[in-house]
Amino acid sequence: MSIPITELITLRLHGATHGANRVYTRPMGTSKAAPRRRTRGEIETLPSGSLRVKVYAGNDPLTGRRHYVSETVPPGPHAEKEAEKVRTKLLNRVDEQRTPRTKATVNQLMDRYLELLDVDVTTRKSYEGYIRNHIRPVLGKLQVGKLNGEAFDSFYAVLRKCRARCGGRKFIEHRTKNPHECNDKCKNHTCKGLATSSMRQIHWILSGALQRAVRWGWITVNPLDQAKTPSAVKPDPHPPTPEQAAAIVNEAFKDLSWGMLVWVAMTTGARRGELCALRWDLLDLDNGVLSIRTSIAQDGADTWEKPTKTHQQRRITLDTETVSLLRAYKHQCETKAAEFARAIKAHGRVFSPDIDHNSWLKPDTVSQRYRRMCEKLGWDMNIHELRHYSATELISAGVDVRTVAGRLGHGGGGSTTLRVYSAWVSEADQRAAGTISGRMPRPPVVIDESGTPMSTTESTKDNPYQKIAADLRGAIDCGALPIGAPLPTVADLAKRYHVAFGTAQRAVAELKTAGLVSVSRGKRAVVADRSKSGPTVAEVVSLHSKRVGT
């Protein structure tokens, strides 16, 4: 039985090292190929005629299965040679450990990252929100080994343009995902980029996860190193002005307990969670010291007590007025509790909704009440700005930055304080400028009514403006320009004498100083009546002679 010449048979030679295969083809009827040395890698012929090169790259650390790296060579007369080159290239990458060892996706990496992440509850919830809302929808299905700088730069560009990643489509932003009847809170979507601080948070989450992927052997290099880090947030605090602070205090003290919370926030610079966590047993009114050890965190309706943001405890010295107010406030709280046959517990909260001060205020409730109070006063403010107010007032008063940082609970020995409040630290430099200014000699310059500076030193007759002033003076003396007559405009003088606009203006100012013309803002200079005021002609000539040295 004859067999068509086009029929092919496949000969597989197993790889010597990793068990990988190489595929060869030969026509039917030809002699059997001579024995070949076992090689690494596999070259397959696809139905399309393309050649697929596969090289074994170890076991997947996530699934335990054999992992291969592959590349396809398009069909052509030199496809076999190109396939050999690709096989050599992939083998080199495997030997140099420059290939990913897994096909895990970003979703799988995020799952593993969150599983091993050791942070406090609030930080974890924040990370989970960024991963759920921004990272998974865009990057989740991509393989970790195929990420590169371009993918991340494109990802950040999308978030900067629109946090909802709308892609230009129009839709309604509903106030809730539950079934409802739309009202004015359901609005047409408007593109709004993600905040710079949120962009950086996402970047550091990805960076931390990919660094662990490198340590775990999932990938050999961190692809995020090839992307541009989002720009740092520029500190721009907006504390209340002294006038606004006074109005806020007056409005807050309509309720003593609320007024005391706002007052303590202003004088101590404590965070809102720290204010909610304050306890009476940590308030030493005899020595005027307030100890801050914990903070109250909130996620939805859930609240819990946790360490402070920097995990540091601090003691803040209170001024005498604050101590007096706190004594009066505590007395009122005790009196009110006694009316209900209750007593304030020693470890009770300083600010509490309970009569016995057994529970704490919710941080979100504090923020909302403060915002509503400021809206009533006509301002858009948040309670964190009271922290800025405390810092700026201390710095403006000359308190050193390290002390201010200690009161605020900033880490880094004051570096954070200096970076955020550098605008107010510069006030010390402004005071230095005022000091040196008071000790400097007066400059030989005067400023006329139009704001033009003029030198009071003697000028030479070679100066162009002196020539213009002398010509105009001569026209006035001979009567060519009578009293009340307007002088040529400064622009005309500059054009006629081929000088700069400022030079012509200085010539007019020279005549004004001599009392020959009068100048008012927005009007042309006119010849002055020297019989009523100003020097006489003889005095003008004498003054001019002295100036030009004749």
Protein backbone atom coordinates (compact mmCIF):
# COMPACT_ATOMS: atom_id res chain seq x y z
CA MET A 1 0.00 0.00 0.00
CA SER A 2 1.46 3.34 -1.02
CA ILE A 3 1.43 6.28 1.39
CA PRO A 4 1.27 9.91 0.18
CA ILE A 5 4.58 11.69 0.31
CA THR A 6 2.90 14.56 2.16
CA GLU A 7 2.13 12.34 5.14
CA LEU A 8 4.28 13.30 8.08
CA ILE A 9 5.28 11.53 11.22
CA THR A 10 6.35 13.13 14.45
CA LEU A 11 9.45 12.21 16.35
CA ARG A 12 9.68 13.48 19.93
CA LEU A 13 12.98 13.71 21.70
CA HIS A 14 12.67 14.26 25.44
CA GLY A 15 14.78 17.01 27.06
CA ALA A 16 17.82 15.83 28.96
CA THR A 17 17.45 18.15 31.91
CA HIS A 18 13.83 19.18 32.51
CA GLY A 19 11.93 16.58 30.52
CA ALA A 20 10.89 19.18 27.94
CA ASN A 21 10.34 18.06 24.32
CA ARG A 22 11.42 19.10 20.89
CA VAL A 23 9.23 18.21 17.91
CA TYR A 24 10.77 17.23 14.53
CA THR A 25 8.99 16.32 11.30
CA ARG A 26 10.12 14.29 8.28
CA PRO A 27 8.32 13.05 5.10
CA MET A 28 7.03 9.46 4.98
CA GLY A 29 9.27 7.12 3.11
CA THR A 30 12.56 8.79 3.99
CA SER A 31 15.16 6.99 6.00
CA LYS A 32 15.01 7.21 9.75
CA ALA A 33 16.87 10.22 11.19
CA ALA A 34 20.19 9.59 12.84
CA PRO A 35 20.20 9.61 16.68
CA ARG A 36 20.23 13.16 18.08
CA ARG A 37 21.51 14.55 21.35
CA ARG A 38 18.73 15.15 23.89
CA THR A 39 17.93 18.86 23.99
CA ARG A 40 15.98 21.24 26.26
CA GLY A 41 12.90 22.94 24.94
CA GLU A 42 10.12 22.07 22.56
CA ILE A 43 9.21 23.40 19.12
CA GLU A 44 5.71 22.56 17.92
CA THR A 45 4.12 23.14 14.54
CA LEU A 46 0.67 24.68 14.93
CA PRO A 47 -2.21 24.17 12.46
CA SER A 48 -1.66 27.70 11.18
CA GLY A 49 1.92 26.87 10.23
CA SER A 50 3.41 28.91 13.06
CA LEU A 51 5.99 27.41 15.40
CA ARG A 52 5.45 27.51 19.14
CA VAL A 53 8.56 27.37 21.32
CA LYS A 54 8.12 26.11 24.89
CA VAL A 55 10.74 25.85 27.62
CA TYR A 56 10.25 24.35 31.06
CA ALA A 57 10.72 26.96 33.80
CA GLY A 58 10.13 24.99 36.99
CA ASN A 59 7.05 24.29 39.10
CA ASP A 60 4.50 27.02 39.74
CA PRO A 61 4.93 28.02 43.44
CA LEU A 62 1.21 28.78 43.67
CA THR A 63 -0.29 25.64 42.06
CA GLY A 64 2.65 23.23 42.13
CA ARG A 65 2.15 22.42 38.44
CA ARG A 66 4.86 22.43 35.78
CA HIS A 67 5.35 25.92 34.43
CA TYR A 68 6.47 26.72 30.87
CA VAL A 69 7.42 29.92 29.11
CA SER A 70 6.53 30.05 25.45
CA GLU A 71 6.73 32.22 22.37
CA THR A 72 5.23 31.82 18.89
CA VAL A 73 7.19 32.28 15.66
CA PRO A 74 5.11 33.21 12.56
CA PRO A 75 5.38 30.91 9.49
CA GLY A 76 7.94 31.65 6.83
CA PRO A 77 10.97 30.29 4.99
CA HIS A 78 13.24 31.02 7.95
CA ALA A 79 10.79 30.05 10.69
CA GLU A 80 12.90 27.10 11.88
CA LYS A 81 16.00 29.23 12.32
CA GLU A 82 14.00 31.90 14.16
CA ALA A 83 12.47 29.23 16.38
CA GLU A 84 15.95 28.01 17.32
CA LYS A 85 16.97 31.56 18.23
CA VAL A 86 13.84 31.98 20.35
CA ARG A 87 14.51 28.66 22.11
CA THR A 88 18.03 29.79 22.94
CA LYS A 89 16.73 33.12 24.21
CA LEU A 90 14.12 31.51 26.46
CA LEU A 91 16.67 29.01 27.80
CA ASN A 92 19.01 31.85 28.72
CA ARG A 93 16.19 33.67 30.52
CA VAL A 94 15.31 30.53 32.47
CA ASP A 95 18.95 29.88 33.38
CA GLU A 96 19.40 33.49 34.50
CA GLN A 97 16.09 33.38 36.42
CA ARG A 98 14.66 36.30 34.46
CA THR A 99 11.32 34.66 33.70
CA PRO A 100 8.21 34.50 35.91
CA ARG A 101 7.68 31.17 37.59
CA THR A 102 3.91 31.42 37.75
CA LYS A 103 0.84 32.29 35.71
CA ALA A 104 -0.86 33.75 38.78
CA THR A 105 -3.03 36.80 38.18
CA VAL A 106 -3.07 40.09 40.06
CA ASN A 107 -6.28 38.94 41.78
CA GLN A 108 -4.47 35.89 43.16
CA LEU A 109 -1.55 38.07 44.25
CA MET A 110 -3.88 40.49 46.06
CA ASP A 111 -5.62 37.60 47.84
CA ARG A 112 -2.30 36.22 49.06
CA TYR A 113 -1.01 39.70 49.97
CA LEU A 114 -4.06 40.51 52.12
CA GLU A 115 -3.87 37.07 53.72
CA LEU A 116 -0.34 37.74 55.01
CA LEU A 117 -0.66 41.51 55.60
CA ASP A 118 -0.03 42.55 59.21
CA VAL A 119 -1.54 46.03 59.76
CA ASP A 120 -4.20 47.50 62.03
CA VAL A 121 -7.88 47.20 61.20
CA THR A 122 -8.35 50.68 59.76
CA THR A 123 -5.36 50.36 57.44
CA ARG A 124 -6.53 46.94 56.27
CA LYS A 125 -10.02 48.21 55.49
CA SER A 126 -8.50 51.11 53.58
CA TYR A 127 -6.32 48.73 51.54
CA GLU A 128 -9.24 46.41 50.86
CA GLY A 129 -11.28 49.36 49.55
CA TYR A 130 -8.57 50.48 47.13
CA ILE A 131 -8.00 46.91 45.91
CA ARG A 132 -11.73 46.21 45.50
CA ASN A 133 -12.65 49.51 43.82
CA HIS A 134 -9.63 50.24 41.63
CA ILE A 135 -7.01 47.49 41.35
CA ARG A 136 -9.12 44.37 40.77
CA PRO A 137 -11.48 45.85 38.10
CA VAL A 138 -8.58 46.99 35.88
CA LEU A 139 -5.55 44.79 36.62
CA GLY A 140 -7.13 41.80 38.36
CA LYS A 141 -7.19 39.36 35.44
CA LEU A 142 -3.69 40.15 34.16
CA GLN A 143 -0.87 37.74 34.85
CA VAL A 144 1.66 39.10 37.30
CA GLY A 145 4.50 38.02 35.03
CA LYS A 146 3.13 40.07 32.13
CA LEU A 147 2.88 43.39 33.99
CA ASN A 148 5.19 46.17 32.84
CA GLY A 149 5.73 49.89 33.26
CA GLU A 150 3.40 50.79 30.41
CA ALA A 151 0.52 48.87 32.01
CA PHE A 152 0.92 50.79 35.27
CA ASP A 153 1.35 54.19 33.60
CA SER A 154 -1.84 53.55 31.58
CA PHE A 155 -3.63 52.45 34.74
CA TYR A 156 -2.66 55.65 36.57
CA ALA A 157 -3.64 57.79 33.57
CA VAL A 158 -7.15 56.29 33.62
CA LEU A 159 -7.54 56.98 37.34
CA ARG A 160 -6.30 60.56 36.97
CA LYS A 161 -8.94 61.18 34.31
CA CYS A 162 -11.92 59.54 35.99
CA ARG A 163 -12.10 57.60 39.23
CA ALA A 164 -15.12 55.69 37.88
CA ARG A 165 -13.16 54.71 34.73
CA CYS A 166 -16.14 55.68 32.60
CA GLY A 167 -14.24 55.79 29.30
CA GLY A 168 -16.39 58.69 28.14
CA ARG A 169 -19.74 56.90 28.48
CA LYS A 170 -22.69 58.67 30.09
CA PHE A 171 -24.64 57.17 32.97
CA ILE A 172 -26.55 58.07 36.13
CA GLU A 173 -24.77 57.96 39.47
CA HIS A 174 -27.43 56.63 41.85
CA ARG A 175 -27.40 57.48 45.52
CA THR A 176 -27.67 53.77 46.42
CA LYS A 177 -27.31 50.40 44.72
CA ASN A 178 -30.51 49.16 46.34
CA PRO A 179 -33.89 49.48 44.56
CA HIS A 180 -35.11 53.06 44.95
CA GLU A 181 -36.90 55.97 43.34
CA CYS A 182 -34.44 58.48 41.94
CA ASN A 183 -34.39 61.98 43.38
CA ASP A 184 -32.05 64.97 43.14
CA LYS A 185 -29.24 62.91 44.70
CA CYS A 186 -29.15 60.69 41.60
CA LYS A 187 -27.19 62.78 39.10
CA ASN A 188 -25.54 62.46 35.71
CA HIS A 189 -21.99 61.23 36.01
CA THR A 190 -19.27 63.87 35.87
CA CYS A 191 -15.68 62.74 35.41
CA LYS A 192 -13.54 63.43 38.45
CA GLY A 193 -10.00 62.17 38.78
CA LEU A 194 -8.83 60.23 41.80
CA ALA A 195 -7.09 62.35 44.44
CA THR A 196 -3.29 62.40 44.38
CA SER A 197 -3.13 60.91 47.88
CA SER A 198 -5.34 57.98 46.78
CA MET A 199 -3.17 57.44 43.70
CA ARG A 200 -0.09 57.13 45.90
CA GLN A 201 -1.89 54.75 48.26
CA ILE A 202 -2.71 52.46 45.32
CA HIS A 203 0.90 52.68 44.13
CA TRP A 204 2.29 51.64 47.52
CA ILE A 205 -0.20 48.77 47.80
CA LEU A 206 0.94 47.45 44.41
CA SER A 207 4.56 48.03 45.35
CA GLY A 208 4.24 46.07 48.59
CA ALA A 209 2.44 43.18 46.91
CA LEU A 210 4.92 42.94 44.02
CA GLN A 211 7.91 43.12 46.37
CA ARG A 212 6.53 40.10 48.16
CA ALA A 213 5.96 38.37 44.82
CA VAL A 214 9.68 38.82 44.12
CA ARG A 215 10.59 37.34 47.51
CA TRP A 216 8.22 34.43 46.99
CA GLY A 217 9.81 33.65 43.62
CA TRP A 218 6.67 34.39 41.60
CA ILE A 219 8.57 36.95 39.52
CA THR A 220 12.24 37.86 39.29
CA VAL A 221 11.96 41.66 39.01
CA ASN A 222 9.43 44.18 40.27
CA PRO A 223 7.66 45.62 37.18
CA LEU A 224 6.50 48.62 39.19
CA ASP A 225 10.09 49.90 39.15
CA GLN A 226 9.56 50.63 35.44
CA ALA A 227 6.53 52.88 36.13
CA LYS A 228 6.50 56.48 37.24
CA THR A 229 5.54 57.01 40.87
CA PRO A 230 2.53 59.36 41.24
CA SER A 231 3.53 62.84 42.30
CA ALA A 232 3.72 63.59 46.01
CA VAL A 233 0.87 65.47 47.63
CA LYS A 234 1.69 69.13 48.13
CA PRO A 235 0.80 70.13 51.70
CA ASP A 236 -1.74 72.94 51.68
CA PRO A 237 -3.29 73.34 55.15
CA HIS A 238 -6.14 75.83 55.55
CA PRO A 239 -6.48 76.66 59.25
CA PRO A 240 -9.19 79.07 60.40
CA THR A 241 -8.14 82.70 60.71
CA PRO A 242 -8.14 84.22 64.21
CA GLU A 243 -11.47 85.91 63.42
CA GLN A 244 -12.98 82.63 62.21
CA ALA A 245 -11.61 80.79 65.24
CA ALA A 246 -13.28 83.30 67.56
CA ALA A 247 -16.62 82.87 65.77
CA ILE A 248 -16.32 79.06 65.91
CA VAL A 249 -15.62 79.12 69.65
CA ASN A 250 -18.56 81.44 70.33
CA GLU A 251 -20.92 79.23 68.35
CA ALA A 252 -19.60 75.97 69.86
CA PHE A 253 -19.92 77.11 73.49
CA LYS A 254 -23.69 77.42 73.12
CA ASP A 255 -23.40 73.77 74.26
CA LEU A 256 -20.75 73.47 76.99
CA SER A 257 -19.71 69.89 76.24
CA TRP A 258 -19.43 70.59 72.51
CA GLY A 259 -17.62 73.86 73.14
CA MET A 260 -15.08 72.09 75.36
CA LEU A 261 -14.36 69.50 72.67
CA VAL A 262 -13.74 72.22 70.09
CA TRP A 263 -11.63 74.21 72.57
CA VAL A 264 -9.45 71.20 73.47
CA ALA A 265 -9.02 70.43 69.76
CA MET A 266 -7.79 73.99 69.18
CA THR A 267 -5.40 74.16 72.12
CA THR A 268 -3.92 70.65 71.93
CA GLY A 269 -4.10 69.85 68.20
CA ALA A 270 -5.38 66.35 69.00
CA ARG A 271 -6.90 64.24 66.24
CA ARG A 272 -10.66 63.62 66.29
CA GLY A 273 -10.24 59.95 67.24
CA GLU A 274 -7.90 60.94 70.08
CA LEU A 275 -10.45 63.48 71.35
CA CYS A 276 -13.13 60.78 71.43
CA ALA A 277 -10.81 58.43 73.37
CA LEU A 278 -9.81 60.90 76.13
CA ARG A 279 -10.41 59.54 79.66
CA TRP A 280 -10.82 61.39 82.94
CA ASP A 281 -8.13 59.29 84.65
CA LEU A 282 -5.63 60.44 82.02
CA LEU A 283 -6.43 64.11 82.63
CA ASP A 284 -4.26 65.56 85.44
CA LEU A 285 -5.86 68.92 86.17
CA ASP A 286 -3.65 69.55 89.23
CA ASN A 287 -0.51 69.52 87.09
CA GLY A 288 -2.21 70.66 83.88
CA VAL A 289 -1.22 67.61 81.82
CA LEU A 290 -3.28 65.62 79.31
CA SER A 291 -2.13 62.11 78.33
CA ILE A 292 -3.06 60.72 74.92
CA ARG A 293 -2.64 56.97 74.62
CA THR A 294 -5.34 55.65 72.31
CA SER A 295 -7.70 56.68 69.55
CA ILE A 296 -11.21 55.69 68.43
CA ALA A 297 -11.54 54.26 64.91
CA GLN A 298 -14.75 53.91 62.94
CA ASP A 299 -15.90 51.92 59.92
CA GLY A 300 -19.56 52.49 59.17
CA ALA A 301 -21.48 51.93 62.39
CA ASP A 302 -18.62 49.99 64.04
CA THR A 303 -16.19 51.74 66.38
CA TRP A 304 -13.25 50.40 68.37
CA GLU A 305 -10.33 51.66 70.43
CA LYS A 306 -6.85 51.35 68.97
CA PRO A 307 -3.35 52.84 69.38
CA THR A 308 -2.71 56.33 68.07
CA LYS A 309 -1.87 56.86 64.41
CA THR A 310 1.89 56.83 65.06
CA HIS A 311 1.57 54.18 67.82
CA GLN A 312 3.10 56.70 70.24
CA GLN A 313 1.81 57.96 73.56
CA ARG A 314 2.30 61.61 74.44
CA ARG A 315 1.70 64.10 77.24
CA ILE A 316 0.46 67.59 76.45
CA THR A 317 0.79 70.47 78.88
CA LEU A 318 -2.39 72.54 79.23
CA ASP A 319 -2.57 76.29 79.73
CA THR A 320 -4.24 77.69 82.86
CA GLU A 321 -7.36 78.86 81.00
CA THR A 322 -7.94 75.40 79.52
CA VAL A 323 -7.45 73.81 82.94
CA SER A 324 -10.03 76.17 84.46
CA LEU A 325 -12.53 75.42 81.73
CA LEU A 326 -12.03 71.66 82.13
CA ARG A 327 -12.56 71.92 85.90
CA ALA A 328 -15.84 73.75 85.35
CA TYR A 329 -16.87 71.25 82.67
CA LYS A 330 -16.11 68.27 84.92
CA HIS A 331 -18.07 69.83 87.77
CA GLN A 332 -21.09 70.28 85.51
CA CYS A 333 -20.84 66.68 84.28
CA GLU A 334 -20.71 65.39 87.86
CA THR A 335 -23.66 67.56 88.87
CA LYS A 336 -25.76 66.37 85.94
CA ALA A 337 -24.92 62.73 86.70
CA ALA A 338 -25.87 63.18 90.37
CA GLU A 339 -29.31 64.45 89.33
CA PHE A 340 -29.94 60.97 87.90
CA ALA A 341 -28.35 59.20 90.86
CA ARG A 342 -25.37 58.27 88.74
CA ALA A 343 -21.66 58.93 89.05
CA ILE A 344 -18.92 59.50 86.48
CA LYS A 345 -16.53 56.59 86.39
CA ALA A 346 -12.85 57.27 86.92
CA HIS A 347 -11.98 55.78 83.54
CA GLY A 348 -14.99 57.38 81.84
CA ARG A 349 -14.60 59.33 78.64
CA VAL A 350 -14.14 63.09 78.82
CA PHE A 351 -16.57 63.57 75.93
CA SER A 352 -19.42 61.10 75.93
CA PRO A 353 -23.12 60.82 74.98
CA ASP A 354 -23.83 58.94 78.26
CA ILE A 355 -24.73 60.57 81.55
CA ASP A 356 -22.04 58.53 83.33
CA HIS A 357 -19.53 59.00 80.49
CA ASN A 358 -19.17 55.26 80.03
CA SER A 359 -19.01 55.27 76.20
CA TRP A 360 -17.18 57.33 73.63
CA LEU A 361 -18.38 59.63 70.88
CA LYS A 362 -18.25 58.38 67.32
CA PRO A 363 -15.58 60.20 65.26
CA ASP A 364 -17.89 60.55 62.25
CA THR A 365 -20.54 62.15 64.47
CA VAL A 366 -17.99 64.72 65.66
CA SER A 367 -16.93 65.52 62.09
CA GLN A 368 -20.50 65.89 60.87
CA ARG A 369 -21.51 68.18 63.72
CA TYR A 370 -18.48 70.40 63.22
CA ARG A 371 -19.12 70.66 59.48
CA ARG A 372 -22.77 71.58 60.03
CA MET A 373 -21.76 74.23 62.56
CA CYS A 374 -19.29 75.81 60.12
CA GLU A 375 -21.85 75.70 57.30
CA LYS A 376 -24.20 77.63 59.57
CA LEU A 377 -21.45 80.25 59.93
CA GLY A 378 -21.00 80.33 56.14
CA TRP A 379 -17.76 78.33 55.83
CA ASP A 380 -16.81 74.97 54.36
CA MET A 381 -14.49 73.52 57.01
CA ASN A 382 -13.64 70.22 58.66
CA ILE A 383 -12.53 69.50 62.20
CA HIS A 384 -9.01 68.47 61.15
CA GLU A 385 -8.36 72.13 60.34
CA LEU A 386 -8.41 72.85 64.09
CA ARG A 387 -5.26 70.74 64.26
CA HIS A 388 -3.74 72.97 61.59
CA TYR A 389 -4.85 76.01 63.57
CA SER A 390 -3.09 74.81 66.73
CA ALA A 391 0.14 74.13 64.82
CA THR A 392 0.20 77.43 62.96
CA GLU A 393 -0.52 79.49 66.06
CA LEU A 394 2.30 77.79 67.96
CA ILE A 395 4.77 78.26 65.12
CA SER A 396 3.71 81.88 64.65
CA ALA A 397 4.32 82.44 68.35
CA GLY A 398 7.93 81.29 67.92
CA VAL A 399 7.65 77.76 69.35
CA ASP A 400 10.31 75.49 67.81
CA VAL A 401 9.16 72.89 65.30
CA ARG A 402 10.28 69.90 67.38
CA THR A 403 8.08 70.97 70.30
CA VAL A 404 5.11 71.52 67.99
CA ALA A 405 5.67 68.05 66.49
CA GLY A 406 5.66 66.54 69.98
CA ARG A 407 2.32 68.11 70.85
CA LEU A 408 0.76 67.02 67.55
CA GLY A 409 2.13 63.49 67.70
CA HIS A 410 4.04 63.77 64.43
CA GLY A 411 6.78 61.23 63.79
CA GLY A 412 10.18 61.82 62.23
CA GLY A 413 11.45 64.28 64.83
CA GLY A 414 9.56 67.20 63.32
CA SER A 415 10.19 66.48 59.62
CA THR A 416 6.46 66.00 58.96
CA THR A 417 5.62 69.21 60.80
CA LEU A 418 8.26 71.14 58.89
CA ARG A 419 7.05 69.79 55.54
CA VAL A 420 3.35 70.45 56.17
CA TYR A 421 3.65 73.78 57.94
CA SER A 422 6.70 75.23 56.18
CA ALA A 423 4.67 78.29 55.14
CA TRP A 424 4.25 79.26 58.75
CA VAL A 425 7.77 78.31 59.78
CA SER A 426 8.91 80.98 57.33
CA GLU A 427 7.37 83.60 59.61
CA ALA A 428 10.54 83.43 61.69
CA ASP A 429 12.43 84.32 58.53
CA GLN A 430 10.02 87.20 57.98
CA ARG A 431 10.76 88.51 61.46
CA ALA A 432 14.48 88.32 60.63
CA ALA A 433 13.85 90.32 57.47
CA GLY A 434 12.09 93.00 59.49
CA THR A 435 15.02 93.17 61.89
CA ILE A 436 17.65 93.65 59.19
CA SER A 437 15.45 96.16 57.41
CA GLY A 438 15.36 98.34 60.52
CA ARG A 439 19.15 98.41 60.71
CA MET A 440 19.83 99.18 57.06
CA PRO A 441 20.58 102.76 55.85
CA ARG A 442 17.83 104.45 53.89
CA PRO A 443 18.22 103.96 50.12
CA PRO A 444 18.66 107.12 47.98
CA VAL A 445 15.37 106.47 46.20
CA VAL A 446 11.93 108.04 46.52
CA ILE A 447 8.61 106.73 45.15
CA ASP A 448 6.33 109.24 43.47
CA GLU A 449 2.53 109.18 43.50
CA SER A 450 2.39 106.99 40.39
CA GLY A 451 4.59 104.39 42.08
CA THR A 452 7.68 105.19 40.01
CA PRO A 453 11.02 104.95 41.91
CA MET A 454 13.40 107.89 41.46
CA SER A 455 16.99 108.27 42.59
CA THR A 456 17.75 111.19 44.89
CA THR A 457 21.43 111.26 43.93
CA GLU A 458 22.77 113.91 41.55
CA SER A 459 22.48 113.00 37.89
CA THR A 460 24.82 113.81 35.04
CA LYS A 461 23.78 115.94 32.09
CA ASP A 462 24.54 113.04 29.78
CA ASN A 463 21.47 111.10 30.99
CA PRO A 464 18.71 110.95 28.33
CA TYR A 465 15.94 111.83 30.76
CA GLN A 466 17.85 114.99 31.79
CA LYS A 467 17.90 116.15 28.17
CA ILE A 468 14.13 115.60 27.85
CA ALA A 469 13.50 117.42 31.15
CA ALA A 470 15.73 120.34 30.06
CA ASP A 471 13.85 120.72 26.73
CA LEU A 472 10.47 120.70 28.46
CA ARG A 473 11.73 123.13 31.09
CA GLY A 474 12.84 125.50 28.36
CA ALA A 475 9.43 125.29 26.67
CA ILE A 476 7.76 126.17 29.97
CA ASP A 477 10.12 129.08 30.72
CA CYS A 478 9.67 130.68 27.31
CA GLY A 479 5.90 130.31 27.43
CA ALA A 480 5.61 127.72 24.68
CA LEU A 481 3.87 125.61 27.29
CA PRO A 482 1.71 128.05 29.32
CA ILE A 483 0.20 127.35 32.74
CA GLY A 484 -2.38 124.57 32.54
CA ALA A 485 -1.14 123.33 29.16
CA PRO A 486 -0.76 119.53 28.95
CA LEU A 487 2.66 118.07 28.32
CA PRO A 488 3.17 115.61 25.51
CA THR A 489 2.25 112.09 26.56
CA VAL A 490 4.96 109.86 27.88
CA ALA A 491 4.52 107.62 24.85
CA ASP A 492 5.02 110.59 22.49
CA LEU A 493 8.13 111.71 24.38
CA ALA A 494 9.58 108.20 24.24
CA LYS A 495 8.95 108.01 20.49
CA ARG A 496 10.29 111.53 19.77
CA TYR A 497 13.54 111.08 21.73
CA HIS A 498 13.95 107.37 20.84
CA VAL A 499 14.10 106.30 24.49
CA ALA A 500 12.36 103.75 26.64
CA PHE A 501 8.97 104.48 28.16
CA GLY A 502 10.45 104.53 31.67
CA THR A 503 13.10 107.09 30.66
CA ALA A 504 10.45 109.52 29.39
CA GLN A 505 8.39 108.95 32.52
CA ARG A 506 11.41 109.78 34.67
CA ALA A 507 11.84 113.09 32.84
CA VAL A 508 8.27 114.09 33.70
CA ALA A 509 8.85 113.01 37.31
CA GLU A 510 11.93 115.28 37.37
CA LEU A 511 9.80 118.27 36.39
CA LYS A 512 7.22 117.35 39.00
CA THR A 513 9.89 117.26 41.71
CA ALA A 514 10.97 120.73 40.62
CA GLY A 515 7.37 121.94 40.91
CA LEU A 516 7.06 122.80 37.20
CA VAL A 517 4.24 120.35 36.42
CA SER A 518 1.45 118.66 38.30
CA VAL A 519 0.70 114.98 37.79
CA SER A 520 -2.40 113.02 38.79
CA ARG A 521 -3.06 109.31 38.28
CA GLY A 522 -4.70 108.50 34.96
CA LYS A 523 -4.29 112.01 33.50
CA ARG A 524 -1.65 113.81 31.44
CA ALA A 525 0.82 116.07 33.24
CA VAL A 526 0.05 119.81 32.96
CA VAL A 527 2.15 122.91 33.55
CA ALA A 528 1.75 124.02 37.16
CA ASP A 529 0.88 127.53 38.34
CA ARG A 530 4.02 128.42 40.27
CA SER A 531 2.59 131.68 41.53
CA LYS A 532 0.31 129.74 43.86
CA SER A 533 2.65 127.02 44.93
CA GLY A 534 6.01 125.58 44.17
CA PRO A 535 9.38 127.24 43.49
CA THR A 536 9.89 130.30 41.29
CA VAL A 537 11.53 130.26 37.90
CA ALA A 538 14.78 131.46 39.42
CA GLU A 539 14.62 128.70 41.99
CA VAL A 540 13.97 126.13 39.29
CA VAL A 541 16.92 127.39 37.24
CA SER A 542 19.13 127.31 40.33
CA LEU A 543 17.99 123.78 41.16
CA HIS A 544 18.59 122.64 37.62
CA SER A 545 22.06 124.19 37.60
CA LYS A 546 23.00 122.32 40.73
CA ARG A 547 21.73 119.01 39.33
CA VAL A 548 23.60 119.22 36.02
CA GLY A 549 26.73 120.70 37.59
CA THR A 550 26.71 124.04 35.73
